[in-house]
Structure formats: C-alpha cells, structure tokens
Amino acid sequence: MSSHNTTLSVVNFSGKHITQTVISDLDPHDWDYEPPARTQDYRPDLNFQKPIDNLDARCEREEINAAATEGSNFTMTCWFQDQSWVRFKINQRDALSKYAGNYPADK
C-alpha cells in the first residue's frame, strides 16, 4: 500500500494537564496500517494515548493511505484534569499542503 508520511502535533498551553486523549470517528481505510504487513502504530487512535502535561507537546508520525479519497478525518477529544474537555475535528490530509494548521474547537 502506498502512503504519505505526515506529523500530528498537539501543544498544550491550556494551564491544565491533559489526562486522556480520545480519538473517534476514524476510518481505518484512511491509514496505512494493515497487520501483519504493516504493524507500526502510525495512526492517531493508536499513538495518541498518553497524557500531555501543561506546557508540553506530543508529535507523532501518521501514515495516510494514498488511496483514501475522502480525506483522513477523525475527532480528537482531550480531557483535562478538572474533567473539562476540548474537541477538534481534524482532517490529517491537510498536513500534506500546510506547514501548520489550526482547527476550531467545539468547546
């Protein structure tokens, strides 16, 4: 399978620790991950599992399936230590044409 190497970065300047990151609405076809041939966790639901401290960041490689035609969409919800949250709807395919992107939040 042919794929595109991209990077997803989350920078936490919220003043609170992110205790959990939940990835949802992800179509596995959009990503280059097909065991047993491809087993690296280059997909956001597999590699954005750990907490992110305040004033810290996470950057992860994300392999997009080159044959995916509808984009590489997913939803990222970050839960904070005080049980507040922020949710982003992301199209990782934007990383192919932008150096950096900002996404509006639901809350």
PDB file of N, CA and C in Angstrom:
ATOM      1  N   MET A   1       0.846  -1.175   0.000  1.00  0.00           N
ATOM      2  CA  MET A   1       0.000   0.000   0.000  1.00  0.00           C
ATOM      3  C   MET A   1       0.890   1.236   0.000  1.00  0.00           C
ATOM      4  N   SER A   2       0.555   2.183  -0.813  1.00  0.00           N
ATOM      5  CA  SER A   2       1.274   3.444  -0.865  1.00  0.00           C
ATOM      6  C   SER A   2       0.697   4.393   0.196  1.00  0.00           C
ATOM      7  N   SER A   3       1.580   5.189   0.794  1.00  0.00           N
ATOM      8  CA  SER A   3       1.109   6.082   1.856  1.00  0.00           C
ATOM      9  C   SER A   3       1.888   7.382   1.856  1.00  0.00           C
ATOM     10  N   HIS A   4       1.373   8.348   2.628  1.00  0.00           N
ATOM     11  CA  HIS A   4       2.008   9.644   2.824  1.00  0.00           C
ATOM     12  C   HIS A   4       2.390   9.778   4.294  1.00  0.00           C
ATOM     13  N   ASN A   5       3.628  10.151   4.548  1.00  0.00           N
ATOM     14  CA  ASN A   5       4.116  10.362   5.908  1.00  0.00           C
ATOM     15  C   ASN A   5       3.763  11.780   6.346  1.00  0.00           C
ATOM     16  N   THR A   6       2.993  11.924   7.417  1.00  0.00           N
ATOM     17  CA  THR A   6       2.643  13.234   7.966  1.00  0.00           C
ATOM     18  C   THR A   6       2.936  13.229   9.465  1.00  0.00           C
ATOM     19  N   THR A   7       2.822  14.391  10.077  1.00  0.00           N
ATOM     20  CA  THR A   7       3.024  14.513  11.519  1.00  0.00           C
ATOM     21  C   THR A   7       1.823  15.228  12.127  1.00  0.00           C
ATOM     22  N   LEU A   8       1.360  14.707  13.250  1.00  0.00           N
ATOM     23  CA  LEU A   8       0.296  15.341  14.024  1.00  0.00           C
ATOM     24  C   LEU A   8       0.909  15.842  15.320  1.00  0.00           C
ATOM     25  N   SER A   9       0.732  17.117  15.604  1.00  0.00           N
ATOM     26  CA  SER A   9       1.290  17.720  16.816  1.00  0.00           C
ATOM     27  C   SER A   9       0.187  18.345  17.652  1.00  0.00           C
ATOM     28  N   VAL A  10       0.272  18.135  18.962  1.00  0.00           N
ATOM     29  CA  VAL A  10      -0.632  18.771  19.915  1.00  0.00           C
ATOM     30  C   VAL A  10       0.234  19.475  20.939  1.00  0.00           C
ATOM     31  N   VAL A  11       0.014  20.777  21.084  1.00  0.00           N
ATOM     32  CA  VAL A  11       0.748  21.590  22.049  1.00  0.00           C
ATOM     33  C   VAL A  11      -0.242  22.024  23.126  1.00  0.00           C
ATOM     34  N   ASN A  12       0.103  21.778  24.382  1.00  0.00           N
ATOM     35  CA  ASN A  12      -0.801  22.071  25.491  1.00  0.00           C
ATOM     36  C   ASN A  12      -0.355  23.330  26.231  1.00  0.00           C
ATOM     37  N   PHE A  13      -1.012  24.439  25.916  1.00  0.00           N
ATOM     38  CA  PHE A  13      -0.804  25.705  26.626  1.00  0.00           C
ATOM     39  C   PHE A  13      -2.045  26.057  27.434  1.00  0.00           C
ATOM     40  N   SER A  14      -2.805  25.081  27.862  1.00  0.00           N
ATOM     41  CA  SER A  14      -4.105  25.298  28.490  1.00  0.00           C
ATOM     42  C   SER A  14      -4.024  25.742  29.945  1.00  0.00           C
ATOM     43  N   GLY A  15      -2.892  25.495  30.597  1.00  0.00           N
ATOM     44  CA  GLY A  15      -2.795  25.748  32.028  1.00  0.00           C
ATOM     45  C   GLY A  15      -3.212  24.541  32.856  1.00  0.00           C
ATOM     46  N   LYS A  16      -3.632  23.450  32.176  1.00  0.00           N
ATOM     47  CA  LYS A  16      -4.059  22.217  32.855  1.00  0.00           C
ATOM     48  C   LYS A  16      -3.424  21.022  32.149  1.00  0.00           C
ATOM     49  N   HIS A  17      -3.249  19.941  32.873  1.00  0.00           N
ATOM     50  CA  HIS A  17      -2.740  18.711  32.274  1.00  0.00           C
ATOM     51  C   HIS A  17      -3.841  18.027  31.478  1.00  0.00           C
ATOM     52  N   ILE A  18      -3.507  17.515  30.303  1.00  0.00           N
ATOM     53  CA  ILE A  18      -4.412  16.655  29.548  1.00  0.00           C
ATOM     54  C   ILE A  18      -4.217  15.248  30.090  1.00  0.00           C
ATOM     55  N   THR A  19      -5.274  14.684  30.660  1.00  0.00           N
ATOM     56  CA  THR A  19      -5.163  13.369  31.291  1.00  0.00           C
ATOM     57  C   THR A  19      -5.511  12.234  30.343  1.00  0.00           C
ATOM     58  N   GLN A  20      -6.323  12.535  29.314  1.00  0.00           N
ATOM     59  CA  GLN A  20      -6.733  11.494  28.377  1.00  0.00           C
ATOM     60  C   GLN A  20      -7.023  12.116  27.021  1.00  0.00           C
ATOM     61  N   THR A  21      -6.630  11.417  25.975  1.00  0.00           N
ATOM     62  CA  THR A  21      -6.958  11.812  24.612  1.00  0.00           C
ATOM     63  C   THR A  21      -7.752  10.682  23.979  1.00  0.00           C
ATOM     64  N   VAL A  22      -8.919  11.012  23.428  1.00  0.00           N
ATOM     65  CA  VAL A  22      -9.783  10.010  22.812  1.00  0.00           C
ATOM     66  C   VAL A  22      -9.921  10.348  21.329  1.00  0.00           C
ATOM     67  N   ILE A  23      -9.597   9.383  20.490  1.00  0.00           N
ATOM     68  CA  ILE A  23      -9.753   9.533  19.044  1.00  0.00           C
ATOM     69  C   ILE A  23     -10.986   8.737  18.632  1.00  0.00           C
ATOM     70  N   SER A  24     -11.888   9.379  17.887  1.00  0.00           N
ATOM     71  CA  SER A  24     -13.102   8.708  17.426  1.00  0.00           C
ATOM     72  C   SER A  24     -13.374   9.093  15.974  1.00  0.00           C
ATOM     73  N   ASP A  25     -14.399   8.463  15.401  1.00  0.00           N
ATOM     74  CA  ASP A  25     -14.826   8.737  14.021  1.00  0.00           C
ATOM     75  C   ASP A  25     -13.696   8.544  13.012  1.00  0.00           C
ATOM     76  N   LEU A  26     -12.851   7.555  13.248  1.00  0.00           N
ATOM     77  CA  LEU A  26     -11.710   7.292  12.374  1.00  0.00           C
ATOM     78  C   LEU A  26     -12.027   6.094  11.482  1.00  0.00           C
ATOM     79  N   ASP A  27     -11.806   6.241  10.189  1.00  0.00           N
ATOM     80  CA  ASP A  27     -11.998   5.143   9.245  1.00  0.00           C
ATOM     81  C   ASP A  27     -10.643   4.459   9.026  1.00  0.00           C
ATOM     82  N   PRO A  28     -10.473   3.199   9.422  1.00  0.00           N
ATOM     83  CA  PRO A  28      -9.180   2.521   9.280  1.00  0.00           C
ATOM     84  C   PRO A  28      -8.655   2.502   7.844  1.00  0.00           C
ATOM     85  N   HIS A  29      -9.543   2.563   6.841  1.00  0.00           N
ATOM     86  CA  HIS A  29      -9.096   2.574   5.439  1.00  0.00           C
ATOM     87  C   HIS A  29      -8.233   3.808   5.128  1.00  0.00           C
ATOM     88  N   ASP A  30      -8.415   4.893   5.857  1.00  0.00           N
ATOM     89  CA  ASP A  30      -7.695   6.136   5.588  1.00  0.00           C
ATOM     90  C   ASP A  30      -6.231   6.090   6.013  1.00  0.00           C
ATOM     91  N   TRP A  31      -5.835   5.031   6.710  1.00  0.00           N
ATOM     92  CA  TRP A  31      -4.500   4.976   7.307  1.00  0.00           C
ATOM     93  C   TRP A  31      -3.747   3.748   6.820  1.00  0.00           C
ATOM     94  N   ASP A  32      -2.433   3.846   6.760  1.00  0.00           N
ATOM     95  CA  ASP A  32      -1.592   2.742   6.305  1.00  0.00           C
ATOM     96  C   ASP A  32      -1.234   1.857   7.495  1.00  0.00           C
ATOM     97  N   TYR A  33      -2.172   1.000   7.869  1.00  0.00           N
ATOM     98  CA  TYR A  33      -1.999   0.085   8.996  1.00  0.00           C
ATOM     99  C   TYR A  33      -2.803  -1.167   8.711  1.00  0.00           C
ATOM    100  N   GLU A  34      -2.132  -2.198   8.214  1.00  0.00           N
ATOM    101  CA  GLU A  34      -2.795  -3.459   7.896  1.00  0.00           C
ATOM    102  C   GLU A  34      -1.943  -4.618   8.375  1.00  0.00           C
ATOM    103  N   PRO A  35      -2.143  -5.060   9.611  1.00  0.00           N
ATOM    104  CA  PRO A  35      -1.380  -6.219  10.078  1.00  0.00           C
ATOM    105  C   PRO A  35      -1.673  -7.430   9.188  1.00  0.00           C
ATOM    106  N   PRO A  36      -0.756  -8.310   8.946  1.00  0.00           N
ATOM    107  CA  PRO A  36       0.587  -8.347   9.526  1.00  0.00           C
ATOM    108  C   PRO A  36       1.628  -7.561   8.740  1.00  0.00           C
ATOM    109  N   ALA A  37       1.303  -7.093   7.524  1.00  0.00           N
ATOM    110  CA  ALA A  37       2.313  -6.397   6.722  1.00  0.00           C
ATOM    111  C   ALA A  37       2.759  -5.081   7.345  1.00  0.00           C
ATOM    112  N   ARG A  38       1.814  -4.292   7.829  1.00  0.00           N
ATOM    113  CA  ARG A  38       2.122  -3.000   8.448  1.00  0.00           C
ATOM    114  C   ARG A  38       1.653  -3.043   9.888  1.00  0.00           C
ATOM    115  N   THR A  39       2.557  -2.924  10.821  1.00  0.00           N
ATOM    116  CA  THR A  39       2.169  -3.027  12.226  1.00  0.00           C
ATOM    117  C   THR A  39       2.626  -1.836  13.062  1.00  0.00           C
ATOM    118  N   GLN A  40       3.272  -0.847  12.464  1.00  0.00           N
ATOM    119  CA  GLN A  40       3.653   0.345  13.219  1.00  0.00           C
ATOM    120  C   GLN A  40       2.392   1.131  13.573  1.00  0.00           C
ATOM    121  N   ASP A  41       2.405   1.751  14.737  1.00  0.00           N
ATOM    122  CA  ASP A  41       1.205   2.453  15.205  1.00  0.00           C
ATOM    123  C   ASP A  41       1.144   3.885  14.681  1.00  0.00           C
ATOM    124  N   TYR A  42       1.275   4.053  13.368  1.00  0.00           N
ATOM    125  CA  TYR A  42       1.250   5.371  12.738  1.00  0.00           C
ATOM    126  C   TYR A  42      -0.170   5.790  12.406  1.00  0.00           C
ATOM    127  N   ARG A  43      -1.023   5.758  13.406  1.00  0.00           N
ATOM    128  CA  ARG A  43      -2.427   6.122  13.284  1.00  0.00           C
ATOM    129  C   ARG A  43      -2.820   6.796  14.593  1.00  0.00           C
ATOM    130  N   PRO A  44      -3.563   7.909  14.564  1.00  0.00           N
ATOM    131  CA  PRO A  44      -3.813   8.668  15.796  1.00  0.00           C
ATOM    132  C   PRO A  44      -4.517   7.900  16.906  1.00  0.00           C
ATOM    133  N   ASP A  45      -5.420   6.982  16.572  1.00  0.00           N
ATOM    134  CA  ASP A  45      -6.094   6.225  17.633  1.00  0.00           C
ATOM    135  C   ASP A  45      -5.158   5.225  18.307  1.00  0.00           C
ATOM    136  N   LEU A  46      -4.019   4.947  17.700  1.00  0.00           N
ATOM    137  CA  LEU A  46      -3.055   4.018  18.274  1.00  0.00           C
ATOM    138  C   LEU A  46      -1.886   4.721  18.965  1.00  0.00           C
ATOM    139  N   ASN A  47      -1.538   5.929  18.527  1.00  0.00           N
ATOM    140  CA  ASN A  47      -0.344   6.562  19.106  1.00  0.00           C
ATOM    141  C   ASN A  47      -0.603   7.852  19.894  1.00  0.00           C
ATOM    142  N   PHE A  48      -1.839   8.280  20.027  1.00  0.00           N
ATOM    143  CA  PHE A  48      -2.149   9.420  20.897  1.00  0.00           C
ATOM    144  C   PHE A  48      -2.920   8.928  22.115  1.00  0.00           C
ATOM    145  N   GLN A  49      -2.281   8.132  22.941  1.00  0.00           N
ATOM    146  CA  GLN A  49      -2.919   7.525  24.105  1.00  0.00           C
ATOM    147  C   GLN A  49      -2.441   8.117  25.427  1.00  0.00           C
ATOM    148  N   LYS A  50      -1.273   8.700  25.451  1.00  0.00           N
ATOM    149  CA  LYS A  50      -0.660   9.132  26.717  1.00  0.00           C
ATOM    150  C   LYS A  50      -1.089  10.544  27.108  1.00  0.00           C
ATOM    151  N   PRO A  51      -1.020  10.860  28.404  1.00  0.00           N
ATOM    152  CA  PRO A  51      -1.312  12.228  28.864  1.00  0.00           C
ATOM    153  C   PRO A  51      -0.318  13.231  28.289  1.00  0.00           C
ATOM    154  N   ILE A  52      -0.734  14.488  28.278  1.00  0.00           N
ATOM    155  CA  ILE A  52       0.145  15.581  27.838  1.00  0.00           C
ATOM    156  C   ILE A  52       0.123  16.640  28.930  1.00  0.00           C
ATOM    157  N   ASP A  53       1.247  16.848  29.574  1.00  0.00           N
ATOM    158  CA  ASP A  53       1.332  17.829  30.651  1.00  0.00           C
ATOM    159  C   ASP A  53       1.151  19.237  30.123  1.00  0.00           C
ATOM    160  N   ASN A  54       0.749  20.151  30.991  1.00  0.00           N
ATOM    161  CA  ASN A  54       0.685  21.561  30.641  1.00  0.00           C
ATOM    162  C   ASN A  54       2.078  22.011  30.205  1.00  0.00           C
ATOM    163  N   LEU A  55       2.139  22.867  29.206  1.00  0.00           N
ATOM    164  CA  LEU A  55       3.378  23.397  28.634  1.00  0.00           C
ATOM    165  C   LEU A  55       4.248  22.307  28.029  1.00  0.00           C
ATOM    166  N   ASP A  56       3.606  21.252  27.536  1.00  0.00           N
ATOM    167  CA  ASP A  56       4.311  20.171  26.865  1.00  0.00           C
ATOM    168  C   ASP A  56       3.611  19.909  25.526  1.00  0.00           C
ATOM    169  N   ALA A  57       4.183  19.034  24.720  1.00  0.00           N
ATOM    170  CA  ALA A  57       3.626  18.748  23.403  1.00  0.00           C
ATOM    171  C   ALA A  57       3.861  17.289  23.046  1.00  0.00           C
ATOM    172  N   ARG A  58       3.070  16.811  22.090  1.00  0.00           N
ATOM    173  CA  ARG A  58       3.254  15.483  21.505  1.00  0.00           C
ATOM    174  C   ARG A  58       3.272  15.646  20.000  1.00  0.00           C
ATOM    175  N   CYS A  59       4.202  15.001  19.352  1.00  0.00           N
ATOM    176  CA  CYS A  59       4.279  14.949  17.899  1.00  0.00           C
ATOM    177  C   CYS A  59       4.406  13.486  17.506  1.00  0.00           C
ATOM    178  N   GLU A  60       3.528  13.034  16.633  1.00  0.00           N
ATOM    179  CA  GLU A  60       3.522  11.636  16.222  1.00  0.00           C
ATOM    180  C   GLU A  60       3.425  11.524  14.704  1.00  0.00           C
ATOM    181  N   ARG A  61       4.123  10.551  14.170  1.00  0.00           N
ATOM    182  CA  ARG A  61       4.042  10.244  12.749  1.00  0.00           C
ATOM    183  C   ARG A  61       2.701   9.581  12.461  1.00  0.00           C
ATOM    184  N   GLU A  62       2.043  10.024  11.398  1.00  0.00           N
ATOM    185  CA  GLU A  62       0.766   9.461  10.961  1.00  0.00           C
ATOM    186  C   GLU A  62       0.878   9.127   9.479  1.00  0.00           C
ATOM    187  N   GLU A  63       0.692   7.856   9.123  1.00  0.00           N
ATOM    188  CA  GLU A  63       0.788   7.402   7.736  1.00  0.00           C
ATOM    189  C   GLU A  63      -0.609   7.361   7.107  1.00  0.00           C
ATOM    190  N   ILE A  64      -0.819   8.231   6.140  1.00  0.00           N
ATOM    191  CA  ILE A  64      -2.108   8.327   5.451  1.00  0.00           C
ATOM    192  C   ILE A  64      -2.100   7.406   4.235  1.00  0.00           C
ATOM    193  N   ASN A  65      -3.148   6.654   4.061  1.00  0.00           N
ATOM    194  CA  ASN A  65      -3.317   5.795   2.890  1.00  0.00           C
ATOM    195  C   ASN A  65      -3.467   6.687   1.655  1.00  0.00           C
ATOM    196  N   ALA A  66      -2.566   6.548   0.686  1.00  0.00           N
ATOM    197  CA  ALA A  66      -2.608   7.375  -0.521  1.00  0.00           C
ATOM    198  C   ALA A  66      -3.863   7.101  -1.350  1.00  0.00           C
ATOM    199  N   ALA A  67      -4.468   5.930  -1.193  1.00  0.00           N
ATOM    200  CA  ALA A  67      -5.663   5.576  -1.966  1.00  0.00           C
ATOM    201  C   ALA A  67      -6.954   6.098  -1.342  1.00  0.00           C
ATOM    202  N   ALA A  68      -6.895   6.623  -0.143  1.00  0.00           N
ATOM    203  CA  ALA A  68      -8.096   7.152   0.500  1.00  0.00           C
ATOM    204  C   ALA A  68      -8.523   8.426  -0.224  1.00  0.00           C
ATOM    205  N   THR A  69      -9.770   8.475  -0.642  1.00  0.00           N
ATOM    206  CA  THR A  69     -10.221   9.603  -1.466  1.00  0.00           C
ATOM    207  C   THR A  69     -11.050  10.627  -0.709  1.00  0.00           C
ATOM    208  N   GLU A  70     -11.574  10.295   0.444  1.00  0.00           N
ATOM    209  CA  GLU A  70     -12.470  11.192   1.175  1.00  0.00           C
ATOM    210  C   GLU A  70     -11.769  11.968   2.275  1.00  0.00           C
ATOM    211  N   GLY A  71     -10.460  11.979   2.302  1.00  0.00           N
ATOM    212  CA  GLY A  71      -9.746  12.637   3.386  1.00  0.00           C
ATOM    213  C   GLY A  71      -9.370  11.633   4.451  1.00  0.00           C
ATOM    214  N   SER A  72      -8.711  12.108   5.475  1.00  0.00           N
ATOM    215  CA  SER A  72      -8.294  11.272   6.616  1.00  0.00           C
ATOM    216  C   SER A  72      -8.823  11.945   7.872  1.00  0.00           C
ATOM    217  N   ASN A  73     -10.123  11.864   8.038  1.00  0.00           N
ATOM    218  CA  ASN A  73     -10.831  12.597   9.089  1.00  0.00           C
ATOM    219  C   ASN A  73     -10.932  11.789  10.375  1.00  0.00           C
ATOM    220  N   PHE A  74     -10.920  12.511  11.483  1.00  0.00           N
ATOM    221  CA  PHE A  74     -11.174  11.917  12.792  1.00  0.00           C
ATOM    222  C   PHE A  74     -11.493  13.028  13.771  1.00  0.00           C
ATOM    223  N   THR A  75     -11.968  12.641  14.945  1.00  0.00           N
ATOM    224  CA  THR A  75     -12.268  13.584  16.013  1.00  0.00           C
ATOM    225  C   THR A  75     -11.327  13.303  17.172  1.00  0.00           C
ATOM    226  N   MET A  76     -10.726  14.358  17.713  1.00  0.00           N
ATOM    227  CA  MET A  76      -9.836  14.240  18.872  1.00  0.00           C
ATOM    228  C   MET A  76     -10.464  14.996  20.039  1.00  0.00           C
ATOM    229  N   THR A  77     -10.697  14.287  21.142  1.00  0.00           N
ATOM    230  CA  THR A  77     -11.202  14.913  22.359  1.00  0.00           C
ATOM    231  C   THR A  77     -10.131  14.806  23.430  1.00  0.00           C
ATOM    232  N   CYS A  78      -9.746  15.952  23.993  1.00  0.00           N
ATOM    233  CA  CYS A  78      -8.744  15.998  25.059  1.00  0.00           C
ATOM    234  C   CYS A  78      -9.462  16.306  26.377  1.00  0.00           C
ATOM    235  N   TRP A  79      -9.276  15.416  27.347  1.00  0.00           N
ATOM    236  CA  TRP A  79      -9.864  15.587  28.679  1.00  0.00           C
ATOM    237  C   TRP A  79      -8.798  16.135  29.614  1.00  0.00           C
ATOM    238  N   PHE A  80      -9.170  17.144  30.407  1.00  0.00           N
ATOM    239  CA  PHE A  80      -8.243  17.786  31.333  1.00  0.00           C
ATOM    240  C   PHE A  80      -8.441  17.281  32.756  1.00  0.00           C
ATOM    241  N   GLN A  81      -7.510  17.611  33.611  1.00  0.00           N
ATOM    242  CA  GLN A  81      -7.512  17.126  34.997  1.00  0.00           C
ATOM    243  C   GLN A  81      -8.754  17.552  35.771  1.00  0.00           C
ATOM    244  N   ASP A  82      -9.403  18.638  35.383  1.00  0.00           N
ATOM    245  CA  ASP A  82     -10.605  19.097  36.083  1.00  0.00           C
ATOM    246  C   ASP A  82     -11.889  18.594  35.426  1.00  0.00           C
ATOM    247  N   GLN A  83     -11.784  17.604  34.519  1.00  0.00           N
ATOM    248  CA  GLN A  83     -12.897  16.987  33.788  1.00  0.00           C
ATOM    249  C   GLN A  83     -13.497  17.885  32.708  1.00  0.00           C
ATOM    250  N   SER A  84     -12.886  19.028  32.425  1.00  0.00           N
ATOM    251  CA  SER A  84     -13.300  19.811  31.259  1.00  0.00           C
ATOM    252  C   SER A  84     -12.676  19.153  30.019  1.00  0.00           C
ATOM    253  N   TRP A  85     -13.135  19.540  28.841  1.00  0.00           N
ATOM    254  CA  TRP A  85     -12.636  18.911  27.625  1.00  0.00           C
ATOM    255  C   TRP A  85     -12.671  19.891  26.460  1.00  0.00           C
ATOM    256  N   VAL A  86     -11.929  19.534  25.417  1.00  0.00           N
ATOM    257  CA  VAL A  86     -11.952  20.268  24.159  1.00  0.00           C
ATOM    258  C   VAL A  86     -11.947  19.232  23.046  1.00  0.00           C
ATOM    259  N   ARG A  87     -12.723  19.492  21.984  1.00  0.00           N
ATOM    260  CA  ARG A  87     -12.854  18.530  20.895  1.00  0.00           C
ATOM    261  C   ARG A  87     -12.526  19.211  19.565  1.00  0.00           C
ATOM    262  N   PHE A  88     -11.742  18.510  18.751  1.00  0.00           N
ATOM    263  CA  PHE A  88     -11.349  19.000  17.438  1.00  0.00           C
ATOM    264  C   PHE A  88     -11.749  17.996  16.370  1.00  0.00           C
ATOM    265  N   LYS A  89     -12.250  18.480  15.250  1.00  0.00           N
ATOM    266  CA  LYS A  89     -12.494  17.643  14.077  1.00  0.00           C
ATOM    267  C   LYS A  89     -11.329  17.911  13.129  1.00  0.00           C
ATOM    268  N   ILE A  90     -10.590  16.857  12.808  1.00  0.00           N
ATOM    269  CA  ILE A  90      -9.323  17.002  12.096  1.00  0.00           C
ATOM    270  C   ILE A  90      -9.355  16.206  10.798  1.00  0.00           C
ATOM    271  N   ASN A  91      -8.786  16.783   9.748  1.00  0.00           N
ATOM    272  CA  ASN A  91      -8.509  16.060   8.512  1.00  0.00           C
ATOM    273  C   ASN A  91      -6.994  16.027   8.374  1.00  0.00           C
ATOM    274  N   GLN A  92      -6.390  14.896   8.683  1.00  0.00           N
ATOM    275  CA  GLN A  92      -4.931  14.790   8.663  1.00  0.00           C
ATOM    276  C   GLN A  92      -4.356  15.001   7.268  1.00  0.00           C
ATOM    277  N   ARG A  93      -5.179  14.843   6.244  1.00  0.00           N
ATOM    278  CA  ARG A  93      -4.711  15.084   4.873  1.00  0.00           C
ATOM    279  C   ARG A  93      -4.312  16.549   4.671  1.00  0.00           C
ATOM    280  N   ASP A  94      -4.826  17.458   5.506  1.00  0.00           N
ATOM    281  CA  ASP A  94      -4.401  18.863   5.429  1.00  0.00           C
ATOM    282  C   ASP A  94      -2.902  19.009   5.651  1.00  0.00           C
ATOM    283  N   ALA A  95      -2.290  18.059   6.356  1.00  0.00           N
ATOM    284  CA  ALA A  95      -0.855  18.126   6.624  1.00  0.00           C
ATOM    285  C   ALA A  95      -0.030  18.006   5.347  1.00  0.00           C
ATOM    286  N   LEU A  96      -0.619  17.534   4.265  1.00  0.00           N
ATOM    287  CA  LEU A  96       0.105  17.422   3.003  1.00  0.00           C
ATOM    288  C   LEU A  96       0.293  18.771   2.329  1.00  0.00           C
ATOM    289  N   SER A  97      -0.573  19.727   2.625  1.00  0.00           N
ATOM    290  CA  SER A  97      -0.496  21.016   1.941  1.00  0.00           C
ATOM    291  C   SER A  97      -0.214  22.195   2.855  1.00  0.00           C
ATOM    292  N   LYS A  98      -0.164  21.976   4.158  1.00  0.00           N
ATOM    293  CA  LYS A  98       0.059  23.058   5.106  1.00  0.00           C
ATOM    294  C   LYS A  98       1.240  22.735   5.993  1.00  0.00           C
ATOM    295  N   TYR A  99       2.012  23.744   6.314  1.00  0.00           N
ATOM    296  CA  TYR A  99       3.102  23.553   7.261  1.00  0.00           C
ATOM    297  C   TYR A  99       2.545  23.424   8.672  1.00  0.00           C
ATOM    298  N   ALA A 100       1.562  24.251   8.999  1.00  0.00           N
ATOM    299  CA  ALA A 100       0.913  24.191  10.314  1.00  0.00           C
ATOM    300  C   ALA A 100      -0.540  24.580  10.124  1.00  0.00           C
ATOM    301  N   GLY A 101      -1.416  23.984  10.896  1.00  0.00           N
ATOM    302  CA  GLY A 101      -2.827  24.302  10.773  1.00  0.00           C
ATOM    303  C   GLY A 101      -3.475  24.463  12.116  1.00  0.00           C
ATOM    304  N   ASN A 102      -4.485  25.291  12.182  1.00  0.00           N
ATOM    305  CA  ASN A 102      -5.269  25.478  13.389  1.00  0.00           C
ATOM    306  C   ASN A 102      -6.681  25.003  13.124  1.00  0.00           C
ATOM    307  N   TYR A 103      -7.240  24.292  14.078  1.00  0.00           N
ATOM    308  CA  TYR A 103      -8.602  23.786  13.948  1.00  0.00           C
ATOM    309  C   TYR A 103      -9.464  24.402  15.041  1.00  0.00           C
ATOM    310  N   PRO A 104     -10.685  24.830  14.689  1.00  0.00           N
ATOM    311  CA  PRO A 104     -11.584  25.350  15.721  1.00  0.00           C
ATOM    312  C   PRO A 104     -12.024  24.230  16.656  1.00  0.00           C
ATOM    313  N   ALA A 105     -12.316  24.585  17.882  1.00  0.00           N
ATOM    314  CA  ALA A 105     -12.743  23.605  18.881  1.00  0.00           C
ATOM    315  C   ALA A 105     -14.242  23.673  19.079  1.00  0.00           C
ATOM    316  N   ASP A 106     -14.859  22.547  19.460  1.00  0.00           N
ATOM    317  CA  ASP A 106     -16.272  22.512  19.778  1.00  0.00           C
ATOM    318  C   ASP A 106     -16.557  23.191  21.098  1.00  0.00           C
ATOM    319  N   LYS A 107     -15.632  23.094  22.043  1.00  0.00           N
ATOM    320  CA  LYS A 107     -15.851  23.694  23.359  1.00  0.00           C
ATOM    321  C   LYS A 107     -14.568  24.321  23.829  1.00  0.00           C
TER     322      LYS A 107
END
